[in-house]
């Protein structure tokens, strides 16, 4: 199974639009557009999972730098998430690294 990153999505692109774009290349396991937790609006990127590696590579080659909903897509193989989860450049943000508002360091 391959996870594919899709960047530079229009904020009006839906999961259905992405599925329609990827379906000609093969079977799709899942489609996800990453959304802001507070507003629910698209963050401009998403992921598609495909079961067959060759189909995934064909989708990457066929869709990278193509237009969808008025935007030129960036499509490539997704990389594993950096250790430590969310929050700046792979740096750990444990308790000892907390800096409250208004403090100057």
PDB file of N, CA and C in Angstrom:
ATOM      1  N   UNK A   1       0.843  -1.182   0.000  1.00  0.00           N
ATOM      2  CA  UNK A   1       0.000   0.000   0.000  1.00  0.00           C
ATOM      3  C   UNK A   1       0.886   1.241   0.000  1.00  0.00           C
ATOM      4  N   UNK A   2       0.517   2.220  -0.783  1.00  0.00           N
ATOM      5  CA  UNK A   2       1.248   3.481  -0.865  1.00  0.00           C
ATOM      6  C   UNK A   2       0.355   4.631  -0.428  1.00  0.00           C
ATOM      7  N   UNK A   3       0.940   5.517   0.362  1.00  0.00           N
ATOM      8  CA  UNK A   3       0.262   6.746   0.763  1.00  0.00           C
ATOM      9  C   UNK A   3       0.845   7.869  -0.079  1.00  0.00           C
ATOM     10  N   UNK A   4      -0.030   8.639  -0.701  1.00  0.00           N
ATOM     11  CA  UNK A   4       0.368   9.697  -1.625  1.00  0.00           C
ATOM     12  C   UNK A   4      -0.006  11.045  -1.035  1.00  0.00           C
ATOM     13  N   UNK A   5       0.931  11.966  -1.057  1.00  0.00           N
ATOM     14  CA  UNK A   5       0.716  13.343  -0.597  1.00  0.00           C
ATOM     15  C   UNK A   5       0.251  14.194  -1.780  1.00  0.00           C
ATOM     16  N   UNK A   6      -0.770  15.012  -1.554  1.00  0.00           N
ATOM     17  CA  UNK A   6      -1.237  15.948  -2.570  1.00  0.00           C
ATOM     18  C   UNK A   6      -1.208  17.337  -1.945  1.00  0.00           C
ATOM     19  N   UNK A   7      -0.368  18.220  -2.489  1.00  0.00           N
ATOM     20  CA  UNK A   7      -0.232  19.574  -1.970  1.00  0.00           C
ATOM     21  C   UNK A   7      -0.768  20.600  -2.944  1.00  0.00           C
ATOM     22  N   UNK A   8      -0.927  21.825  -2.443  1.00  0.00           N
ATOM     23  CA  UNK A   8      -1.412  22.970  -3.200  1.00  0.00           C
ATOM     24  C   UNK A   8      -2.862  22.790  -3.644  1.00  0.00           C
ATOM     25  N   UNK A   9      -3.657  22.138  -2.783  1.00  0.00           N
ATOM     26  CA  UNK A   9      -5.077  21.954  -3.078  1.00  0.00           C
ATOM     27  C   UNK A   9      -5.831  23.267  -2.937  1.00  0.00           C
ATOM     28  N   UNK A  10      -6.809  23.449  -3.793  1.00  0.00           N
ATOM     29  CA  UNK A  10      -7.730  24.566  -3.645  1.00  0.00           C
ATOM     30  C   UNK A  10      -8.542  24.333  -2.376  1.00  0.00           C
ATOM     31  N   UNK A  11      -8.929  25.405  -1.717  1.00  0.00           N
ATOM     32  CA  UNK A  11      -9.733  25.262  -0.506  1.00  0.00           C
ATOM     33  C   UNK A  11     -11.133  24.744  -0.816  1.00  0.00           C
ATOM     34  N   UNK A  12     -11.531  24.758  -2.070  1.00  0.00           N
ATOM     35  CA  UNK A  12     -12.848  24.225  -2.439  1.00  0.00           C
ATOM     36  C   UNK A  12     -12.797  22.773  -2.914  1.00  0.00           C
ATOM     37  N   UNK A  13     -11.583  22.197  -3.029  1.00  0.00           N
ATOM     38  CA  UNK A  13     -11.459  20.798  -3.435  1.00  0.00           C
ATOM     39  C   UNK A  13     -12.028  19.894  -2.343  1.00  0.00           C
ATOM     40  N   UNK A  14     -12.787  18.898  -2.763  1.00  0.00           N
ATOM     41  CA  UNK A  14     -13.384  17.939  -1.829  1.00  0.00           C
ATOM     42  C   UNK A  14     -12.725  16.569  -1.984  1.00  0.00           C
ATOM     43  N   UNK A  15     -13.008  15.690  -1.028  1.00  0.00           N
ATOM     44  CA  UNK A  15     -12.522  14.319  -1.114  1.00  0.00           C
ATOM     45  C   UNK A  15     -13.041  13.665  -2.399  1.00  0.00           C
ATOM     46  N   UNK A  16     -14.272  13.995  -2.771  1.00  0.00           N
ATOM     47  CA  UNK A  16     -14.859  13.424  -3.989  1.00  0.00           C
ATOM     48  C   UNK A  16     -14.090  13.878  -5.237  1.00  0.00           C
ATOM     49  N   UNK A  17     -13.674  15.168  -5.278  1.00  0.00           N
ATOM     50  CA  UNK A  17     -12.868  15.651  -6.404  1.00  0.00           C
ATOM     51  C   UNK A  17     -11.561  14.872  -6.517  1.00  0.00           C
ATOM     52  N   UNK A  18     -10.896  14.645  -5.381  1.00  0.00           N
ATOM     53  CA  UNK A  18      -9.634  13.902  -5.394  1.00  0.00           C
ATOM     54  C   UNK A  18      -9.861  12.460  -5.836  1.00  0.00           C
ATOM     55  N   UNK A  19     -10.896  11.847  -5.323  1.00  0.00           N
ATOM     56  CA  UNK A  19     -11.179  10.463  -5.707  1.00  0.00           C
ATOM     57  C   UNK A  19     -11.422  10.365  -7.216  1.00  0.00           C
ATOM     58  N   UNK A  20     -12.160  11.310  -7.762  1.00  0.00           N
ATOM     59  CA  UNK A  20     -12.419  11.330  -9.207  1.00  0.00           C
ATOM     60  C   UNK A  20     -11.125  11.465  -9.999  1.00  0.00           C
ATOM     61  N   UNK A  21     -10.196  12.284  -9.518  1.00  0.00           N
ATOM     62  CA  UNK A  21      -8.924  12.481 -10.209  1.00  0.00           C
ATOM     63  C   UNK A  21      -8.046  11.229 -10.157  1.00  0.00           C
ATOM     64  N   UNK A  22      -8.073  10.501  -9.036  1.00  0.00           N
ATOM     65  CA  UNK A  22      -7.193   9.352  -8.847  1.00  0.00           C
ATOM     66  C   UNK A  22      -7.768   8.039  -9.368  1.00  0.00           C
ATOM     67  N   UNK A  23      -9.071   7.919  -9.475  1.00  0.00           N
ATOM     68  CA  UNK A  23      -9.713   6.666  -9.878  1.00  0.00           C
ATOM     69  C   UNK A  23      -9.215   6.097 -11.201  1.00  0.00           C
ATOM     70  N   UNK A  24      -8.933   6.907 -12.231  1.00  0.00           N
ATOM     71  CA  UNK A  24      -8.445   6.315 -13.490  1.00  0.00           C
ATOM     72  C   UNK A  24      -7.125   5.539 -13.345  1.00  0.00           C
ATOM     73  N   UNK A  25      -6.401   5.759 -12.253  1.00  0.00           N
ATOM     74  CA  UNK A  25      -5.104   5.111 -12.075  1.00  0.00           C
ATOM     75  C   UNK A  25      -5.196   3.801 -11.300  1.00  0.00           C
ATOM     76  N   UNK A  26      -6.328   3.549 -10.642  1.00  0.00           N
ATOM     77  CA  UNK A  26      -6.477   2.297  -9.901  1.00  0.00           C
ATOM     78  C   UNK A  26      -7.394   2.432  -8.706  1.00  0.00           C
ATOM     79  N   UNK A  27      -7.440   1.338  -7.934  1.00  0.00           N
ATOM     80  CA  UNK A  27      -8.318   1.285  -6.764  1.00  0.00           C
ATOM     81  C   UNK A  27      -7.780   2.161  -5.636  1.00  0.00           C
ATOM     82  N   UNK A  28      -8.682   2.881  -5.006  1.00  0.00           N
ATOM     83  CA  UNK A  28      -8.326   3.795  -3.926  1.00  0.00           C
ATOM     84  C   UNK A  28      -8.825   3.224  -2.609  1.00  0.00           C
ATOM     85  N   UNK A  29      -7.948   3.196  -1.618  1.00  0.00           N
ATOM     86  CA  UNK A  29      -8.341   2.721  -0.289  1.00  0.00           C
ATOM     87  C   UNK A  29      -8.965   3.852   0.530  1.00  0.00           C
ATOM     88  N   UNK A  30      -8.341   5.034   0.493  1.00  0.00           N
ATOM     89  CA  UNK A  30      -8.886   6.158   1.267  1.00  0.00           C
ATOM     90  C   UNK A  30      -8.441   7.489   0.672  1.00  0.00           C
ATOM     91  N   UNK A  31      -9.234   8.516   0.946  1.00  0.00           N
ATOM     92  CA  UNK A  31      -8.933   9.888   0.535  1.00  0.00           C
ATOM     93  C   UNK A  31      -9.181  10.774   1.750  1.00  0.00           C
ATOM     94  N   UNK A  32      -8.191  11.617   2.078  1.00  0.00           N
ATOM     95  CA  UNK A  32      -8.316  12.504   3.229  1.00  0.00           C
ATOM     96  C   UNK A  32      -7.790  13.887   2.863  1.00  0.00           C
ATOM     97  N   UNK A  33      -8.582  14.907   3.127  1.00  0.00           N
ATOM     98  CA  UNK A  33      -8.102  16.289   3.042  1.00  0.00           C
ATOM     99  C   UNK A  33      -7.894  16.749   4.478  1.00  0.00           C
ATOM    100  N   UNK A  34      -6.710  17.238   4.769  1.00  0.00           N
ATOM    101  CA  UNK A  34      -6.385  17.674   6.121  1.00  0.00           C
ATOM    102  C   UNK A  34      -7.082  19.009   6.377  1.00  0.00           C
ATOM    103  N   UNK A  35      -7.770  19.083   7.522  1.00  0.00           N
ATOM    104  CA  UNK A  35      -8.564  20.264   7.859  1.00  0.00           C
ATOM    105  C   UNK A  35      -8.111  20.869   9.179  1.00  0.00           C
ATOM    106  N   UNK A  36      -8.301  22.152   9.286  1.00  0.00           N
ATOM    107  CA  UNK A  36      -8.014  22.873  10.525  1.00  0.00           C
ATOM    108  C   UNK A  36      -8.953  22.359  11.612  1.00  0.00           C
ATOM    109  N   UNK A  37      -8.434  22.062  12.772  1.00  0.00           N
ATOM    110  CA  UNK A  37      -9.248  21.502  13.860  1.00  0.00           C
ATOM    111  C   UNK A  37     -10.311  22.467  14.358  1.00  0.00           C
ATOM    112  N   UNK A  38     -10.020  23.748  14.344  1.00  0.00           N
ATOM    113  CA  UNK A  38     -10.961  24.726  14.882  1.00  0.00           C
ATOM    114  C   UNK A  38     -11.996  25.179  13.863  1.00  0.00           C
ATOM    115  N   UNK A  39     -11.568  25.430  12.627  1.00  0.00           N
ATOM    116  CA  UNK A  39     -12.493  25.979  11.631  1.00  0.00           C
ATOM    117  C   UNK A  39     -13.087  24.921  10.713  1.00  0.00           C
ATOM    118  N   UNK A  40     -12.430  23.766  10.599  1.00  0.00           N
ATOM    119  CA  UNK A  40     -12.898  22.728   9.698  1.00  0.00           C
ATOM    120  C   UNK A  40     -12.554  22.998   8.240  1.00  0.00           C
ATOM    121  N   UNK A  41     -11.853  24.096   7.969  1.00  0.00           N
ATOM    122  CA  UNK A  41     -11.480  24.434   6.597  1.00  0.00           C
ATOM    123  C   UNK A  41     -10.226  23.670   6.172  1.00  0.00           C
ATOM    124  N   UNK A  42     -10.138  23.420   4.870  1.00  0.00           N
ATOM    125  CA  UNK A  42      -8.996  22.714   4.309  1.00  0.00           C
ATOM    126  C   UNK A  42      -7.705  23.459   4.623  1.00  0.00           C
ATOM    127  N   UNK A  43      -6.640  22.700   4.880  1.00  0.00           N
ATOM    128  CA  UNK A  43      -5.313  23.295   5.084  1.00  0.00           C
ATOM    129  C   UNK A  43      -4.511  23.284   3.782  1.00  0.00           C
ATOM    130  N   UNK A  44      -5.148  22.849   2.676  1.00  0.00           N
ATOM    131  CA  UNK A  44      -4.502  22.921   1.371  1.00  0.00           C
ATOM    132  C   UNK A  44      -3.693  21.705   0.973  1.00  0.00           C
ATOM    133  N   UNK A  45      -3.808  20.608   1.739  1.00  0.00           N
ATOM    134  CA  UNK A  45      -3.130  19.380   1.352  1.00  0.00           C
ATOM    135  C   UNK A  45      -3.928  18.181   1.841  1.00  0.00           C
ATOM    136  N   UNK A  46      -3.594  17.022   1.278  1.00  0.00           N
ATOM    137  CA  UNK A  46      -4.311  15.812   1.653  1.00  0.00           C
ATOM    138  C   UNK A  46      -3.515  14.578   1.280  1.00  0.00           C
ATOM    139  N   UNK A  47      -4.161  13.423   1.458  1.00  0.00           N
ATOM    140  CA  UNK A  47      -3.512  12.140   1.201  1.00  0.00           C
ATOM    141  C   UNK A  47      -4.488  11.188   0.530  1.00  0.00           C
ATOM    142  N   UNK A  48      -3.944  10.358  -0.350  1.00  0.00           N
ATOM    143  CA  UNK A  48      -4.697   9.274  -0.975  1.00  0.00           C
ATOM    144  C   UNK A  48      -3.907   8.005  -0.727  1.00  0.00           C
ATOM    145  N   UNK A  49      -4.587   6.940  -0.330  1.00  0.00           N
ATOM    146  CA  UNK A  49      -3.945   5.643  -0.157  1.00  0.00           C
ATOM    147  C   UNK A  49      -4.429   4.711  -1.256  1.00  0.00           C
ATOM    148  N   UNK A  50      -3.471   4.042  -1.896  1.00  0.00           N
ATOM    149  CA  UNK A  50      -3.772   3.077  -2.951  1.00  0.00           C
ATOM    150  C   UNK A  50      -3.109   1.751  -2.599  1.00  0.00           C
ATOM    151  N   UNK A  51      -3.803   0.640  -2.872  1.00  0.00           N
ATOM    152  CA  UNK A  51      -3.302  -0.682  -2.508  1.00  0.00           C
ATOM    153  C   UNK A  51      -2.153  -1.172  -3.376  1.00  0.00           C
ATOM    154  N   UNK A  52      -2.171  -0.847  -4.659  1.00  0.00           N
ATOM    155  CA  UNK A  52      -1.186  -1.380  -5.597  1.00  0.00           C
ATOM    156  C   UNK A  52      -0.115  -0.322  -5.869  1.00  0.00           C
ATOM    157  N   UNK A  53       1.129  -0.649  -5.534  1.00  0.00           N
ATOM    158  CA  UNK A  53       2.234   0.306  -5.671  1.00  0.00           C
ATOM    159  C   UNK A  53       2.373   0.845  -7.097  1.00  0.00           C
ATOM    160  N   UNK A  54       2.291  -0.030  -8.093  1.00  0.00           N
ATOM    161  CA  UNK A  54       2.441   0.418  -9.485  1.00  0.00           C
ATOM    162  C   UNK A  54       1.363   1.424  -9.869  1.00  0.00           C
ATOM    163  N   UNK A  55       0.145   1.201  -9.384  1.00  0.00           N
ATOM    164  CA  UNK A  55      -0.943   2.146  -9.653  1.00  0.00           C
ATOM    165  C   UNK A  55      -0.692   3.474  -8.957  1.00  0.00           C
ATOM    166  N   UNK A  56      -0.160   3.413  -7.747  1.00  0.00           N
ATOM    167  CA  UNK A  56       0.152   4.631  -7.005  1.00  0.00           C
ATOM    168  C   UNK A  56       1.236   5.438  -7.719  1.00  0.00           C
ATOM    169  N   UNK A  57       2.281   4.755  -8.191  1.00  0.00           N
ATOM    170  CA  UNK A  57       3.351   5.453  -8.911  1.00  0.00           C
ATOM    171  C   UNK A  57       2.838   6.048 -10.218  1.00  0.00           C
ATOM    172  N   UNK A  58       1.915   5.338 -10.883  1.00  0.00           N
ATOM    173  CA  UNK A  58       1.306   5.872 -12.110  1.00  0.00           C
ATOM    174  C   UNK A  58       0.481   7.120 -11.801  1.00  0.00           C
ATOM    175  N   UNK A  59      -0.234   7.125 -10.681  1.00  0.00           N
ATOM    176  CA  UNK A  59      -1.029   8.284 -10.279  1.00  0.00           C
ATOM    177  C   UNK A  59      -0.121   9.476  -9.968  1.00  0.00           C
ATOM    178  N   UNK A  60       0.984   9.219  -9.280  1.00  0.00           N
ATOM    179  CA  UNK A  60       1.936  10.289  -8.967  1.00  0.00           C
ATOM    180  C   UNK A  60       2.477  10.904 -10.257  1.00  0.00           C
ATOM    181  N   UNK A  61       2.927  10.044 -11.164  1.00  0.00           N
ATOM    182  CA  UNK A  61       3.484  10.525 -12.439  1.00  0.00           C
ATOM    183  C   UNK A  61       2.424  11.233 -13.273  1.00  0.00           C
ATOM    184  N   UNK A  62       1.206  10.721 -13.247  1.00  0.00           N
ATOM    185  CA  UNK A  62       0.152  11.279 -14.085  1.00  0.00           C
ATOM    186  C   UNK A  62      -0.492  12.540 -13.558  1.00  0.00           C
ATOM    187  N   UNK A  63      -0.437  12.761 -12.241  1.00  0.00           N
ATOM    188  CA  UNK A  63      -1.144  13.909 -11.659  1.00  0.00           C
ATOM    189  C   UNK A  63      -0.242  15.022 -11.143  1.00  0.00           C
ATOM    190  N   UNK A  64       1.042  14.737 -10.911  1.00  0.00           N
ATOM    191  CA  UNK A  64       1.934  15.787 -10.434  1.00  0.00           C
ATOM    192  C   UNK A  64       2.011  16.919 -11.464  1.00  0.00           C
ATOM    193  N   UNK A  65       1.904  18.142 -10.986  1.00  0.00           N
ATOM    194  CA  UNK A  65       1.963  19.352 -11.818  1.00  0.00           C
ATOM    195  C   UNK A  65       0.774  19.480 -12.787  1.00  0.00           C
ATOM    196  N   UNK A  66      -0.346  18.818 -12.467  1.00  0.00           N
ATOM    197  CA  UNK A  66      -1.568  19.012 -13.242  1.00  0.00           C
ATOM    198  C   UNK A  66      -2.514  19.913 -12.460  1.00  0.00           C
ATOM    199  N   UNK A  67      -3.526  20.412 -13.114  1.00  0.00           N
ATOM    200  CA  UNK A  67      -4.434  21.364 -12.481  1.00  0.00           C
ATOM    201  C   UNK A  67      -5.708  20.678 -11.988  1.00  0.00           C
ATOM    202  N   UNK A  68      -6.127  21.052 -10.787  1.00  0.00           N
ATOM    203  CA  UNK A  68      -7.391  20.610 -10.219  1.00  0.00           C
ATOM    204  C   UNK A  68      -8.004  21.788  -9.490  1.00  0.00           C
ATOM    205  N   UNK A  69      -9.225  22.122  -9.840  1.00  0.00           N
ATOM    206  CA  UNK A  69      -9.943  23.241  -9.226  1.00  0.00           C
ATOM    207  C   UNK A  69      -9.136  24.538  -9.256  1.00  0.00           C
ATOM    208  N   UNK A  70      -8.429  24.760 -10.378  1.00  0.00           N
ATOM    209  CA  UNK A  70      -7.701  26.006 -10.571  1.00  0.00           C
ATOM    210  C   UNK A  70      -6.334  26.088  -9.926  1.00  0.00           C
ATOM    211  N   UNK A  71      -5.845  24.994  -9.344  1.00  0.00           N
ATOM    212  CA  UNK A  71      -4.522  24.985  -8.696  1.00  0.00           C
ATOM    213  C   UNK A  71      -3.656  23.895  -9.293  1.00  0.00           C
ATOM    214  N   UNK A  72      -2.353  24.157  -9.411  1.00  0.00           N
ATOM    215  CA  UNK A  72      -1.403  23.154  -9.900  1.00  0.00           C
ATOM    216  C   UNK A  72      -0.979  22.283  -8.725  1.00  0.00           C
ATOM    217  N   UNK A  73      -1.267  20.993  -8.820  1.00  0.00           N
ATOM    218  CA  UNK A  73      -1.019  20.072  -7.722  1.00  0.00           C
ATOM    219  C   UNK A  73       0.447  19.665  -7.613  1.00  0.00           C
ATOM    220  N   UNK A  74       0.864  19.405  -6.394  1.00  0.00           N
ATOM    221  CA  UNK A  74       2.128  18.750  -6.099  1.00  0.00           C
ATOM    222  C   UNK A  74       1.753  17.364  -5.588  1.00  0.00           C
ATOM    223  N   UNK A  75       2.159  16.325  -6.299  1.00  0.00           N
ATOM    224  CA  UNK A  75       1.781  14.957  -5.945  1.00  0.00           C
ATOM    225  C   UNK A  75       3.051  14.129  -5.842  1.00  0.00           C
ATOM    226  N   UNK A  76       3.267  13.517  -4.673  1.00  0.00           N
ATOM    227  CA  UNK A  76       4.421  12.630  -4.510  1.00  0.00           C
ATOM    228  C   UNK A  76       4.159  11.621  -3.412  1.00  0.00           C
ATOM    229  N   UNK A  77       5.067  10.674  -3.279  1.00  0.00           N
ATOM    230  CA  UNK A  77       4.929   9.657  -2.238  1.00  0.00           C
ATOM    231  C   UNK A  77       5.041  10.328  -0.875  1.00  0.00           C
ATOM    232  N   UNK A  78       4.108  10.013  -0.001  1.00  0.00           N
ATOM    233  CA  UNK A  78       4.125  10.609   1.343  1.00  0.00           C
ATOM    234  C   UNK A  78       5.307  10.062   2.125  1.00  0.00           C
ATOM    235  N   UNK A  79       5.917  10.930   2.892  1.00  0.00           N
ATOM    236  CA  UNK A  79       7.018  10.527   3.760  1.00  0.00           C
ATOM    237  C   UNK A  79       6.479  10.267   5.155  1.00  0.00           C
ATOM    238  N   UNK A  80       7.110   9.374   5.901  1.00  0.00           N
ATOM    239  CA  UNK A  80       6.670   9.126   7.279  1.00  0.00           C
ATOM    240  C   UNK A  80       6.776  10.395   8.108  1.00  0.00           C
ATOM    241  N   UNK A  81       5.892  10.529   9.050  1.00  0.00           N
ATOM    242  CA  UNK A  81       5.900  11.671   9.951  1.00  0.00           C
ATOM    243  C   UNK A  81       7.158  11.666  10.804  1.00  0.00           C
ATOM    244  N   UNK A  82       7.701  12.845  11.054  1.00  0.00           N
ATOM    245  CA  UNK A  82       8.884  12.963  11.912  1.00  0.00           C
ATOM    246  C   UNK A  82       8.501  12.594  13.346  1.00  0.00           C
ATOM    247  N   UNK A  83       9.435  12.032  14.074  1.00  0.00           N
ATOM    248  CA  UNK A  83       9.187  11.675  15.469  1.00  0.00           C
ATOM    249  C   UNK A  83       8.834  12.915  16.268  1.00  0.00           C
ATOM    250  N   UNK A  84       7.935  12.769  17.207  1.00  0.00           N
ATOM    251  CA  UNK A  84       7.567  13.890  18.059  1.00  0.00           C
ATOM    252  C   UNK A  84       6.258  14.538  17.660  1.00  0.00           C
ATOM    253  N   UNK A  85       5.654  14.120  16.537  1.00  0.00           N
ATOM    254  CA  UNK A  85       4.350  14.649  16.158  1.00  0.00           C
ATOM    255  C   UNK A  85       4.403  16.085  15.702  1.00  0.00           C
ATOM    256  N   UNK A  86       3.314  16.795  15.919  1.00  0.00           N
ATOM    257  CA  UNK A  86       3.174  18.163  15.429  1.00  0.00           C
ATOM    258  C   UNK A  86       4.045  19.144  16.203  1.00  0.00           C
ATOM    259  N   UNK A  87       4.338  20.252  15.568  1.00  0.00           N
ATOM    260  CA  UNK A  87       5.066  21.336  16.216  1.00  0.00           C
ATOM    261  C   UNK A  87       6.456  21.490  15.675  1.00  0.00           C
ATOM    262  N   UNK A  88       6.831  22.419  15.064  1.00  0.00           N
ATOM    263  CA  UNK A  88       8.077  22.826  14.480  1.00  0.00           C
ATOM    264  C   UNK A  88       9.190  21.844  14.219  1.00  0.00           C
ATOM    265  N   UNK A  89       9.678  21.799  13.075  1.00  0.00           N
ATOM    266  CA  UNK A  89      10.924  21.207  12.572  1.00  0.00           C
ATOM    267  C   UNK A  89      11.471  20.012  13.336  1.00  0.00           C
ATOM    268  N   UNK A  90      10.622  19.099  13.752  1.00  0.00           N
ATOM    269  CA  UNK A  90      11.085  17.881  14.384  1.00  0.00           C
ATOM    270  C   UNK A  90      11.618  18.067  15.788  1.00  0.00           C
ATOM    271  N   UNK A  91      11.501  19.252  16.326  1.00  0.00           N
ATOM    272  CA  UNK A  91      12.012  19.533  17.669  1.00  0.00           C
ATOM    273  C   UNK A  91      11.015  19.064  18.711  1.00  0.00           C
ATOM    274  N   UNK A  92      11.484  18.402  19.727  1.00  0.00           N
ATOM    275  CA  UNK A  92      10.612  17.956  20.805  1.00  0.00           C
ATOM    276  C   UNK A  92      10.128  19.151  21.610  1.00  0.00           C
ATOM    277  N   UNK A  93       8.869  19.128  21.959  1.00  0.00           N
ATOM    278  CA  UNK A  93       8.314  20.218  22.748  1.00  0.00           C
ATOM    279  C   UNK A  93       7.798  19.679  24.070  1.00  0.00           C
ATOM    280  N   UNK A  94       8.690  19.128  24.830  1.00  0.00           N
ATOM    281  CA  UNK A  94       8.317  18.603  26.141  1.00  0.00           C
ATOM    282  C   UNK A  94       8.114  19.741  27.130  1.00  0.00           C
ATOM    283  N   UNK A  95       7.795  19.404  28.352  1.00  0.00           N
ATOM    284  CA  UNK A  95       7.532  20.412  29.386  1.00  0.00           C
ATOM    285  C   UNK A  95       8.689  21.388  29.577  1.00  0.00           C
ATOM    286  N   UNK A  96       9.905  20.890  29.491  1.00  0.00           N
ATOM    287  CA  UNK A  96      11.067  21.738  29.714  1.00  0.00           C
ATOM    288  C   UNK A  96      11.273  22.783  28.633  1.00  0.00           C
ATOM    289  N   UNK A  97      10.561  22.670  27.520  1.00  0.00           N
ATOM    290  CA  UNK A  97      10.733  23.594  26.407  1.00  0.00           C
ATOM    291  C   UNK A  97       9.596  24.615  26.324  1.00  0.00           C
ATOM    292  N   UNK A  98       8.713  24.628  27.296  1.00  0.00           N
ATOM    293  CA  UNK A  98       7.564  25.529  27.247  1.00  0.00           C
ATOM    294  C   UNK A  98       7.977  26.968  27.523  1.00  0.00           C
ATOM    295  N   UNK A  99       7.462  27.832  26.689  1.00  0.00           N
ATOM    296  CA  UNK A  99       7.672  29.258  26.901  1.00  0.00           C
ATOM    297  C   UNK A  99       6.322  29.927  26.835  1.00  0.00           C
ATOM    298  N   UNK A 100       5.882  30.474  27.931  1.00  0.00           N
ATOM    299  CA  UNK A 100       4.558  31.099  27.996  1.00  0.00           C
ATOM    300  C   UNK A 100       4.513  32.413  27.241  1.00  0.00           C
ATOM    301  N   UNK A 101       3.308  32.898  27.044  1.00  0.00           N
ATOM    302  CA  UNK A 101       3.125  34.166  26.354  1.00  0.00           C
ATOM    303  C   UNK A 101       3.785  35.309  27.113  1.00  0.00           C
ATOM    304  N   UNK A 102       4.316  36.213  26.356  1.00  0.00           N
ATOM    305  CA  UNK A 102       4.872  37.426  26.955  1.00  0.00           C
ATOM    306  C   UNK A 102       6.275  37.281  27.512  1.00  0.00           C
ATOM    307  N   UNK A 103       6.775  36.057  27.604  1.00  0.00           N
ATOM    308  CA  UNK A 103       8.121  35.884  28.119  1.00  0.00           C
ATOM    309  C   UNK A 103       9.110  36.060  26.978  1.00  0.00           C
ATOM    310  N   UNK A 104      10.166  36.764  27.267  1.00  0.00           N
ATOM    311  CA  UNK A 104      11.206  36.969  26.253  1.00  0.00           C
ATOM    312  C   UNK A 104      12.426  36.156  26.650  1.00  0.00           C
ATOM    313  N   UNK A 105      12.920  35.388  25.709  1.00  0.00           N
ATOM    314  CA  UNK A 105      14.076  34.522  25.974  1.00  0.00           C
ATOM    315  C   UNK A 105      15.219  34.941  25.162  1.00  0.00           C
TER     316      UNK A 105
END
